[in-house]
Amino acid sequence: HEWEPEDLIEVWTLLEEDQERLRNKAGAN
């Protein structure tokens, strides 16, 4: 549950294909 900023960037950054998967979703979804 504890994350350093560089770890967040490495693990939790959404890549372009991730963003594409989300394109038809809004808000909480």
Full PDB file with SEQRES, HELIX, SHEET, SSBOND, CRYST1, ORIGX, SCALE, CONECT and MASTER records, all heavy atoms in Angstrom:
SEQRES   1 A   29  HIS GLU TRP GLU PRO GLU ASP LEU ILE GLU VAL TRP THR          
SEQRES   2 A   29  LEU LEU GLU GLU ASP GLN GLU ARG LEU ARG ASN LYS ALA          
SEQRES   3 A   29  GLY ALA ASN                                                  
HELIX    1 AA1 PRO A    5  TRP A   12  1                                   8    
HELIX    2 AA2 GLU A   16  LEU A   22  1                                   7    
CRYST1    1.000    1.000    1.000  90.00  90.00  90.00 P 1           1          
ORIGX1      1.000000  0.000000  0.000000        0.00000                         
ORIGX2      0.000000  1.000000  0.000000        0.00000                         
ORIGX3      0.000000  0.000000  1.000000        0.00000                         
SCALE1      1.000000  0.000000  0.000000        0.00000                         
SCALE2      0.000000  1.000000  0.000000        0.00000                         
SCALE3      0.000000  0.000000  1.000000        0.00000                         
ATOM      1  N   HIS A   1       0.804  -1.219   0.000  1.00  0.00           N  
ATOM      2  CA  HIS A   1       0.000   0.000   0.000  1.00  0.00           C  
ATOM      3  C   HIS A   1       0.837   1.270   0.000  1.00  0.00           C  
ATOM      4  O   HIS A   1       0.318   2.349  -0.215  1.00  0.00           O  
ATOM      5  CB  HIS A   1      -0.969  -0.002   1.186  1.00  0.00           C  
ATOM      6  CG  HIS A   1      -2.132  -0.904   0.945  1.00  0.00           C  
ATOM      7  ND1 HIS A   1      -3.270  -0.486   0.309  1.00  0.00           N  
ATOM      8  CD2 HIS A   1      -2.329  -2.215   1.207  1.00  0.00           C  
ATOM      9  CE1 HIS A   1      -4.112  -1.485   0.193  1.00  0.00           C  
ATOM     10  NE2 HIS A   1      -3.573  -2.550   0.737  1.00  0.00           N  
ATOM     11  N   GLU A   2       2.137   1.156   0.251  1.00  0.00           N  
ATOM     12  CA  GLU A   2       3.030   2.311   0.213  1.00  0.00           C  
ATOM     13  C   GLU A   2       3.775   2.302  -1.120  1.00  0.00           C  
ATOM     14  O   GLU A   2       4.397   1.305  -1.470  1.00  0.00           O  
ATOM     15  CB  GLU A   2       4.036   2.256   1.370  1.00  0.00           C  
ATOM     16  CG  GLU A   2       3.392   2.261   2.742  1.00  0.00           C  
ATOM     17  CD  GLU A   2       2.634   3.531   3.023  1.00  0.00           C  
ATOM     18  OE1 GLU A   2       3.097   4.616   2.612  1.00  0.00           O  
ATOM     19  OE2 GLU A   2       1.556   3.449   3.649  1.00  0.00           O  
ATOM     20  N   TRP A   3       3.721   3.401  -1.847  1.00  0.00           N  
ATOM     21  CA  TRP A   3       4.328   3.486  -3.170  1.00  0.00           C  
ATOM     22  C   TRP A   3       5.133   4.767  -3.306  1.00  0.00           C  
ATOM     23  O   TRP A   3       4.621   5.852  -3.023  1.00  0.00           O  
ATOM     24  CB  TRP A   3       3.254   3.457  -4.252  1.00  0.00           C  
ATOM     25  CG  TRP A   3       2.598   2.129  -4.383  1.00  0.00           C  
ATOM     26  CD1 TRP A   3       1.618   1.618  -3.580  1.00  0.00           C  
ATOM     27  CD2 TRP A   3       2.867   1.123  -5.352  1.00  0.00           C  
ATOM     28  NE1 TRP A   3       1.258   0.373  -4.004  1.00  0.00           N  
ATOM     29  CE2 TRP A   3       2.018   0.043  -5.091  1.00  0.00           C  
ATOM     30  CE3 TRP A   3       3.745   1.042  -6.426  1.00  0.00           C  
ATOM     31  CZ2 TRP A   3       2.021  -1.113  -5.861  1.00  0.00           C  
ATOM     32  CZ3 TRP A   3       3.741  -0.109  -7.192  1.00  0.00           C  
ATOM     33  CH2 TRP A   3       2.888  -1.170  -6.907  1.00  0.00           C  
ATOM     34  N   GLU A   4       6.354   4.639  -3.749  1.00  0.00           N  
ATOM     35  CA  GLU A   4       7.178   5.795  -4.090  1.00  0.00           C  
ATOM     36  C   GLU A   4       6.723   6.305  -5.464  1.00  0.00           C  
ATOM     37  O   GLU A   4       6.239   5.524  -6.283  1.00  0.00           O  
ATOM     38  CB  GLU A   4       8.661   5.403  -4.151  1.00  0.00           C  
ATOM     39  CG  GLU A   4       9.236   4.949  -2.821  1.00  0.00           C  
ATOM     40  CD  GLU A   4       9.222   6.041  -1.770  1.00  0.00           C  
ATOM     41  OE1 GLU A   4       9.459   7.217  -2.124  1.00  0.00           O  
ATOM     42  OE2 GLU A   4       8.946   5.725  -0.598  1.00  0.00           O  
ATOM     43  N   PRO A   5       6.893   7.608  -5.713  1.00  0.00           N  
ATOM     44  CA  PRO A   5       6.439   8.159  -7.013  1.00  0.00           C  
ATOM     45  C   PRO A   5       6.992   7.419  -8.228  1.00  0.00           C  
ATOM     46  O   PRO A   5       6.258   7.151  -9.187  1.00  0.00           O  
ATOM     47  CB  PRO A   5       6.937   9.610  -6.969  1.00  0.00           C  
ATOM     48  CG  PRO A   5       6.992   9.935  -5.517  1.00  0.00           C  
ATOM     49  CD  PRO A   5       7.394   8.652  -4.827  1.00  0.00           C  
ATOM     50  N   GLU A   6       8.270   7.063  -8.201  1.00  0.00           N  
ATOM     51  CA  GLU A   6       8.833   6.369  -9.367  1.00  0.00           C  
ATOM     52  C   GLU A   6       8.234   4.969  -9.542  1.00  0.00           C  
ATOM     53  O   GLU A   6       8.094   4.479 -10.666  1.00  0.00           O  
ATOM     54  CB  GLU A   6      10.362   6.311  -9.311  1.00  0.00           C  
ATOM     55  CG  GLU A   6      10.950   5.722  -8.059  1.00  0.00           C  
ATOM     56  CD  GLU A   6      11.134   6.745  -6.919  1.00  0.00           C  
ATOM     57  OE1 GLU A   6      10.875   7.939  -7.087  1.00  0.00           O  
ATOM     58  OE2 GLU A   6      11.533   6.313  -5.837  1.00  0.00           O  
ATOM     59  N   ASP A   7       7.841   4.323  -8.434  1.00  0.00           N  
ATOM     60  CA  ASP A   7       7.187   3.014  -8.529  1.00  0.00           C  
ATOM     61  C   ASP A   7       5.775   3.144  -9.095  1.00  0.00           C  
ATOM     62  O   ASP A   7       5.329   2.309  -9.884  1.00  0.00           O  
ATOM     63  CB  ASP A   7       7.141   2.330  -7.163  1.00  0.00           C  
ATOM     64  CG  ASP A   7       8.518   1.989  -6.624  1.00  0.00           C  
ATOM     65  OD1 ASP A   7       9.424   1.736  -7.452  1.00  0.00           O  
ATOM     66  OD2 ASP A   7       8.692   1.979  -5.397  1.00  0.00           O  
ATOM     67  N   LEU A   8       5.075   4.194  -8.673  1.00  0.00           N  
ATOM     68  CA  LEU A   8       3.740   4.445  -9.232  1.00  0.00           C  
ATOM     69  C   LEU A   8       3.827   4.623 -10.740  1.00  0.00           C  
ATOM     70  O   LEU A   8       3.032   4.053 -11.493  1.00  0.00           O  
ATOM     71  CB  LEU A   8       3.126   5.712  -8.626  1.00  0.00           C  
ATOM     72  CG  LEU A   8       2.451   5.591  -7.282  1.00  0.00           C  
ATOM     73  CD1 LEU A   8       2.058   6.966  -6.769  1.00  0.00           C  
ATOM     74  CD2 LEU A   8       1.249   4.681  -7.347  1.00  0.00           C  
ATOM     75  N   ILE A   9       4.792   5.399 -11.164  1.00  0.00           N  
ATOM     76  CA  ILE A   9       4.955   5.659 -12.597  1.00  0.00           C  
ATOM     77  C   ILE A   9       5.254   4.366 -13.344  1.00  0.00           C  
ATOM     78  O   ILE A   9       4.656   4.077 -14.387  1.00  0.00           O  
ATOM     79  CB  ILE A   9       6.062   6.710 -12.832  1.00  0.00           C  
ATOM     80  CG1 ILE A   9       5.593   8.063 -12.311  1.00  0.00           C  
ATOM     81  CG2 ILE A   9       6.451   6.785 -14.306  1.00  0.00           C  
ATOM     82  CD1 ILE A   9       6.681   9.104 -12.197  1.00  0.00           C  
ATOM     83  N   GLU A  10       6.141   3.553 -12.798  1.00  0.00           N  
ATOM     84  CA  GLU A  10       6.531   2.314 -13.469  1.00  0.00           C  
ATOM     85  C   GLU A  10       5.389   1.304 -13.560  1.00  0.00           C  
ATOM     86  O   GLU A  10       5.191   0.667 -14.589  1.00  0.00           O  
ATOM     87  CB  GLU A  10       7.709   1.681 -12.728  1.00  0.00           C  
ATOM     88  CG  GLU A  10       8.209   0.401 -13.373  1.00  0.00           C  
ATOM     89  CD  GLU A  10       9.385  -0.198 -12.630  1.00  0.00           C  
ATOM     90  OE1 GLU A  10      10.092   0.526 -11.911  1.00  0.00           O  
ATOM     91  OE2 GLU A  10       9.599  -1.413 -12.773  1.00  0.00           O  
ATOM     92  N   VAL A  11       4.615   1.173 -12.497  1.00  0.00           N  
ATOM     93  CA  VAL A  11       3.601   0.111 -12.428  1.00  0.00           C  
ATOM     94  C   VAL A  11       2.207   0.571 -12.839  1.00  0.00           C  
ATOM     95  O   VAL A  11       1.477  -0.170 -13.482  1.00  0.00           O  
ATOM     96  CB  VAL A  11       3.564  -0.482 -10.994  1.00  0.00           C  
ATOM     97  CG1 VAL A  11       2.447  -1.490 -10.831  1.00  0.00           C  
ATOM     98  CG2 VAL A  11       4.910  -1.113 -10.652  1.00  0.00           C  
ATOM     99  N   TRP A  12       1.829   1.778 -12.490  1.00  0.00           N  
ATOM    100  CA  TRP A  12       0.452   2.227 -12.645  1.00  0.00           C  
ATOM    101  C   TRP A  12       0.225   3.185 -13.809  1.00  0.00           C  
ATOM    102  O   TRP A  12      -0.882   3.695 -13.987  1.00  0.00           O  
ATOM    103  CB  TRP A  12      -0.040   2.853 -11.342  1.00  0.00           C  
ATOM    104  CG  TRP A  12      -0.139   1.850 -10.235  1.00  0.00           C  
ATOM    105  CD1 TRP A  12       0.816   1.555  -9.318  1.00  0.00           C  
ATOM    106  CD2 TRP A  12      -1.240   0.979  -9.951  1.00  0.00           C  
ATOM    107  NE1 TRP A  12       0.370   0.568  -8.466  1.00  0.00           N  
ATOM    108  CE2 TRP A  12      -0.879   0.190  -8.839  1.00  0.00           C  
ATOM    109  CE3 TRP A  12      -2.494   0.797 -10.529  1.00  0.00           C  
ATOM    110  CZ2 TRP A  12      -1.728  -0.756  -8.288  1.00  0.00           C  
ATOM    111  CZ3 TRP A  12      -3.347  -0.159  -9.984  1.00  0.00           C  
ATOM    112  CH2 TRP A  12      -2.966  -0.919  -8.874  1.00  0.00           C  
ATOM    113  N   THR A  13       1.229   3.435 -14.627  1.00  0.00           N  
ATOM    114  CA  THR A  13       1.030   4.308 -15.781  1.00  0.00           C  
ATOM    115  C   THR A  13       0.253   3.572 -16.864  1.00  0.00           C  
ATOM    116  O   THR A  13       0.594   2.443 -17.233  1.00  0.00           O  
ATOM    117  CB  THR A  13       2.383   4.797 -16.335  1.00  0.00           C  
ATOM    118  OG1 THR A  13       3.009   5.605 -15.331  1.00  0.00           O  
ATOM    119  CG2 THR A  13       2.208   5.606 -17.610  1.00  0.00           C  
ATOM    120  N   LEU A  14      -0.779   4.220 -17.361  1.00  0.00           N  
ATOM    121  CA  LEU A  14      -1.587   3.647 -18.433  1.00  0.00           C  
ATOM    122  C   LEU A  14      -0.883   3.878 -19.765  1.00  0.00           C  
ATOM    123  O   LEU A  14      -0.562   5.009 -20.118  1.00  0.00           O  
ATOM    124  CB  LEU A  14      -2.973   4.295 -18.454  1.00  0.00           C  
ATOM    125  CG  LEU A  14      -3.833   4.013 -17.232  1.00  0.00           C  
ATOM    126  CD1 LEU A  14      -5.000   4.972 -17.184  1.00  0.00           C  
ATOM    127  CD2 LEU A  14      -4.298   2.573 -17.211  1.00  0.00           C  
ATOM    128  N   LEU A  15      -0.653   2.805 -20.477  1.00  0.00           N  
ATOM    129  CA  LEU A  15      -0.021   2.893 -21.782  1.00  0.00           C  
ATOM    130  C   LEU A  15      -1.067   3.270 -22.835  1.00  0.00           C  
ATOM    131  O   LEU A  15      -2.269   3.294 -22.557  1.00  0.00           O  
ATOM    132  CB  LEU A  15       0.645   1.562 -22.118  1.00  0.00           C  
ATOM    133  CG  LEU A  15       1.665   1.066 -21.088  1.00  0.00           C  
ATOM    134  CD1 LEU A  15       2.182  -0.303 -21.473  1.00  0.00           C  
ATOM    135  CD2 LEU A  15       2.794   2.059 -20.920  1.00  0.00           C  
ATOM    136  N   GLU A  16      -0.610   3.522 -24.036  1.00  0.00           N  
ATOM    137  CA  GLU A  16      -1.517   3.932 -25.108  1.00  0.00           C  
ATOM    138  C   GLU A  16      -2.608   2.887 -25.351  1.00  0.00           C  
ATOM    139  O   GLU A  16      -3.784   3.238 -25.509  1.00  0.00           O  
ATOM    140  CB  GLU A  16      -0.712   4.158 -26.394  1.00  0.00           C  
ATOM    141  CG  GLU A  16      -1.467   4.907 -27.443  1.00  0.00           C  
ATOM    142  CD  GLU A  16      -0.586   5.287 -28.626  1.00  0.00           C  
ATOM    143  OE1 GLU A  16       0.532   5.797 -28.405  1.00  0.00           O  
ATOM    144  OE2 GLU A  16      -1.030   5.080 -29.758  1.00  0.00           O  
ATOM    145  N   GLU A  17      -2.232   1.601 -25.348  1.00  0.00           N  
ATOM    146  CA  GLU A  17      -3.249   0.557 -25.573  1.00  0.00           C  
ATOM    147  C   GLU A  17      -4.213   0.459 -24.394  1.00  0.00           C  
ATOM    148  O   GLU A  17      -5.377   0.107 -24.565  1.00  0.00           O  
ATOM    149  CB  GLU A  17      -2.617  -0.807 -25.892  1.00  0.00           C  
ATOM    150  CG  GLU A  17      -1.723  -1.357 -24.817  1.00  0.00           C  
ATOM    151  CD  GLU A  17      -0.248  -1.050 -25.019  1.00  0.00           C  
ATOM    152  OE1 GLU A  17       0.088  -0.127 -25.781  1.00  0.00           O  
ATOM    153  OE2 GLU A  17       0.567  -1.740 -24.402  1.00  0.00           O  
ATOM    154  N   ASP A  18      -3.748   0.773 -23.188  1.00  0.00           N  
ATOM    155  CA  ASP A  18      -4.637   0.819 -22.026  1.00  0.00           C  
ATOM    156  C   ASP A  18      -5.660   1.941 -22.206  1.00  0.00           C  
ATOM    157  O   ASP A  18      -6.859   1.740 -21.979  1.00  0.00           O  
ATOM    158  CB  ASP A  18      -3.853   1.069 -20.729  1.00  0.00           C  
ATOM    159  CG  ASP A  18      -2.811   0.001 -20.434  1.00  0.00           C  
ATOM    160  OD1 ASP A  18      -2.977  -1.152 -20.881  1.00  0.00           O  
ATOM    161  OD2 ASP A  18      -1.823   0.337 -19.741  1.00  0.00           O  
ATOM    162  N   GLN A  19      -5.180   3.101 -22.615  1.00  0.00           N  
ATOM    163  CA  GLN A  19      -6.063   4.242 -22.826  1.00  0.00           C  
ATOM    164  C   GLN A  19      -7.106   3.927 -23.908  1.00  0.00           C  
ATOM    165  O   GLN A  19      -8.264   4.323 -23.799  1.00  0.00           O  
ATOM    166  CB  GLN A  19      -5.249   5.483 -23.231  1.00  0.00           C  
ATOM    167  CG  GLN A  19      -4.358   6.005 -22.138  1.00  0.00           C  
ATOM    168  CD  GLN A  19      -5.088   6.838 -21.097  1.00  0.00           C  
ATOM    169  OE1 GLN A  19      -6.298   6.991 -21.119  1.00  0.00           O  
ATOM    170  NE2 GLN A  19      -4.329   7.389 -20.170  1.00  0.00           N  
ATOM    171  N   GLU A  20      -6.683   3.200 -24.927  1.00  0.00           N  
ATOM    172  CA  GLU A  20      -7.613   2.820 -26.004  1.00  0.00           C  
ATOM    173  C   GLU A  20      -8.733   1.933 -25.455  1.00  0.00           C  
ATOM    174  O   GLU A  20      -9.888   2.060 -25.857  1.00  0.00           O  
ATOM    175  CB  GLU A  20      -6.843   2.105 -27.117  1.00  0.00           C  
ATOM    176  CG  GLU A  20      -7.678   1.697 -28.296  1.00  0.00           C  
ATOM    177  CD  GLU A  20      -8.335   2.860 -29.030  1.00  0.00           C  
ATOM    178  OE1 GLU A  20      -7.806   3.983 -28.990  1.00  0.00           O  
ATOM    179  OE2 GLU A  20      -9.395   2.635 -29.644  1.00  0.00           O  
ATOM    180  N   ARG A  21      -8.408   1.038 -24.539  1.00  0.00           N  
ATOM    181  CA  ARG A  21      -9.426   0.154 -23.940  1.00  0.00           C  
ATOM    182  C   ARG A  21     -10.451   0.937 -23.124  1.00  0.00           C  
ATOM    183  O   ARG A  21     -11.549   0.453 -22.886  1.00  0.00           O  
ATOM    184  CB  ARG A  21      -8.756  -0.886 -23.043  1.00  0.00           C  
ATOM    185  CG  ARG A  21      -7.988  -1.930 -23.780  1.00  0.00           C  
ATOM    186  CD  ARG A  21      -7.435  -3.002 -22.831  1.00  0.00           C  
ATOM    187  NE  ARG A  21      -6.642  -3.934 -23.578  1.00  0.00           N  
ATOM    188  CZ  ARG A  21      -5.304  -3.920 -23.624  1.00  0.00           C  
ATOM    189  NH1 ARG A  21      -4.622  -3.046 -22.922  1.00  0.00           N  
ATOM    190  NH2 ARG A  21      -4.657  -4.802 -24.361  1.00  0.00           N  
ATOM    191  N   LEU A  22     -10.077   2.115 -22.671  1.00  0.00           N  
ATOM    192  CA  LEU A  22     -10.944   2.914 -21.802  1.00  0.00           C  
ATOM    193  C   LEU A  22     -11.753   3.955 -22.556  1.00  0.00           C  
ATOM    194  O   LEU A  22     -12.584   4.634 -21.961  1.00  0.00           O  
ATOM    195  CB  LEU A  22     -10.085   3.629 -20.748  1.00  0.00           C  
ATOM    196  CG  LEU A  22      -9.250   2.730 -19.847  1.00  0.00           C  
ATOM    197  CD1 LEU A  22      -8.294   3.564 -19.016  1.00  0.00           C  
ATOM    198  CD2 LEU A  22     -10.135   1.866 -18.976  1.00  0.00           C  
ATOM    199  N   ARG A  23     -11.547   4.095 -23.838  1.00  0.00           N  
ATOM    200  CA  ARG A  23     -12.105   5.212 -24.598  1.00  0.00           C  
ATOM    201  C   ARG A  23     -13.628   5.293 -24.550  1.00  0.00           C  
ATOM    202  O   ARG A  23     -14.189   6.362 -24.641  1.00  0.00           O  
ATOM    203  CB  ARG A  23     -11.612   5.196 -26.035  1.00  0.00           C  
ATOM    204  CG  ARG A  23     -12.143   4.079 -26.888  1.00  0.00           C  
ATOM    205  CD  ARG A  23     -11.748   4.270 -28.352  1.00  0.00           C  
ATOM    206  NE  ARG A  23     -11.779   3.103 -29.163  1.00  0.00           N  
ATOM    207  CZ  ARG A  23     -12.784   2.251 -29.326  1.00  0.00           C  
ATOM    208  NH1 ARG A  23     -13.882   2.415 -28.658  1.00  0.00           N  
ATOM    209  NH2 ARG A  23     -12.684   1.219 -30.131  1.00  0.00           N  
ATOM    210  N   ASN A  24     -14.321   4.193 -24.409  1.00  0.00           N  
ATOM    211  CA  ASN A  24     -15.785   4.214 -24.412  1.00  0.00           C  
ATOM    212  C   ASN A  24     -16.382   4.176 -23.003  1.00  0.00           C  
ATOM    213  O   ASN A  24     -17.565   3.922 -22.847  1.00  0.00           O  
ATOM    214  CB  ASN A  24     -16.334   3.053 -25.247  1.00  0.00           C  
ATOM    215  CG  ASN A  24     -15.978   1.705 -24.662  1.00  0.00           C  
ATOM    216  OD1 ASN A  24     -15.059   1.588 -23.844  1.00  0.00           O  
ATOM    217  ND2 ASN A  24     -16.687   0.670 -25.068  1.00  0.00           N  
ATOM    218  N   LYS A  25     -15.558   4.463 -21.986  1.00  0.00           N  
ATOM    219  CA  LYS A  25     -16.024   4.438 -20.608  1.00  0.00           C  
ATOM    220  C   LYS A  25     -15.927   5.845 -20.010  1.00  0.00           C  
ATOM    221  O   LYS A  25     -15.088   6.627 -20.411  1.00  0.00           O  
ATOM    222  CB  LYS A  25     -15.197   3.447 -19.790  1.00  0.00           C  
ATOM    223  CG  LYS A  25     -15.352   2.008 -20.265  1.00  0.00           C  
ATOM    224  CD  LYS A  25     -14.335   1.087 -19.602  1.00  0.00           C  
ATOM    225  CE  LYS A  25     -14.491  -0.352 -20.029  1.00  0.00           C  
ATOM    226  NZ  LYS A  25     -14.382  -0.585 -21.449  1.00  0.00           N  
ATOM    227  N   ALA A  26     -16.782   6.110 -19.026  1.00  0.00           N  
ATOM    228  CA  ALA A  26     -16.776   7.424 -18.387  1.00  0.00           C  
ATOM    229  C   ALA A  26     -16.953   7.278 -16.882  1.00  0.00           C  
ATOM    230  O   ALA A  26     -17.430   6.248 -16.392  1.00  0.00           O  
ATOM    231  CB  ALA A  26     -17.903   8.283 -18.959  1.00  0.00           C  
ATOM    232  N   GLY A  27     -16.561   8.303 -16.154  1.00  0.00           N  
ATOM    233  CA  GLY A  27     -16.797   8.380 -14.716  1.00  0.00           C  
ATOM    234  C   GLY A  27     -16.213   7.214 -13.937  1.00  0.00           C  
ATOM    235  O   GLY A  27     -15.088   6.779 -14.186  1.00  0.00           O  
ATOM    236  N   ALA A  28     -17.003   6.719 -12.998  1.00  0.00           N  
ATOM    237  CA  ALA A  28     -16.562   5.630 -12.130  1.00  0.00           C  
ATOM    238  C   ALA A  28     -16.181   4.384 -12.929  1.00  0.00           C  
ATOM    239  O   ALA A  28     -15.234   3.677 -12.569  1.00  0.00           O  
ATOM    240  CB  ALA A  28     -17.656   5.291 -11.113  1.00  0.00           C  
ATOM    241  N   ASN A  29     -16.891   4.121 -14.027  1.00  0.00           N  
ATOM    242  CA  ASN A  29     -16.568   2.948 -14.847  1.00  0.00           C  
ATOM    243  C   ASN A  29     -15.211   3.093 -15.528  1.00  0.00           C  
ATOM    244  O   ASN A  29     -14.475   2.124 -15.678  1.00  0.00           O  
ATOM    245  CB  ASN A  29     -17.650   2.679 -15.888  1.00  0.00           C  
ATOM    246  CG  ASN A  29     -18.867   2.037 -15.276  1.00  0.00           C  
ATOM    247  OD1 ASN A  29     -18.780   1.348 -14.268  1.00  0.00           O  
ATOM    248  ND2 ASN A  29     -20.016   2.276 -15.869  1.00  0.00           N  
TER     249      ASN A  29                                                      
MASTER        0    0    0    2    0    0    0    6  248    1    0    3          
END                                                                             
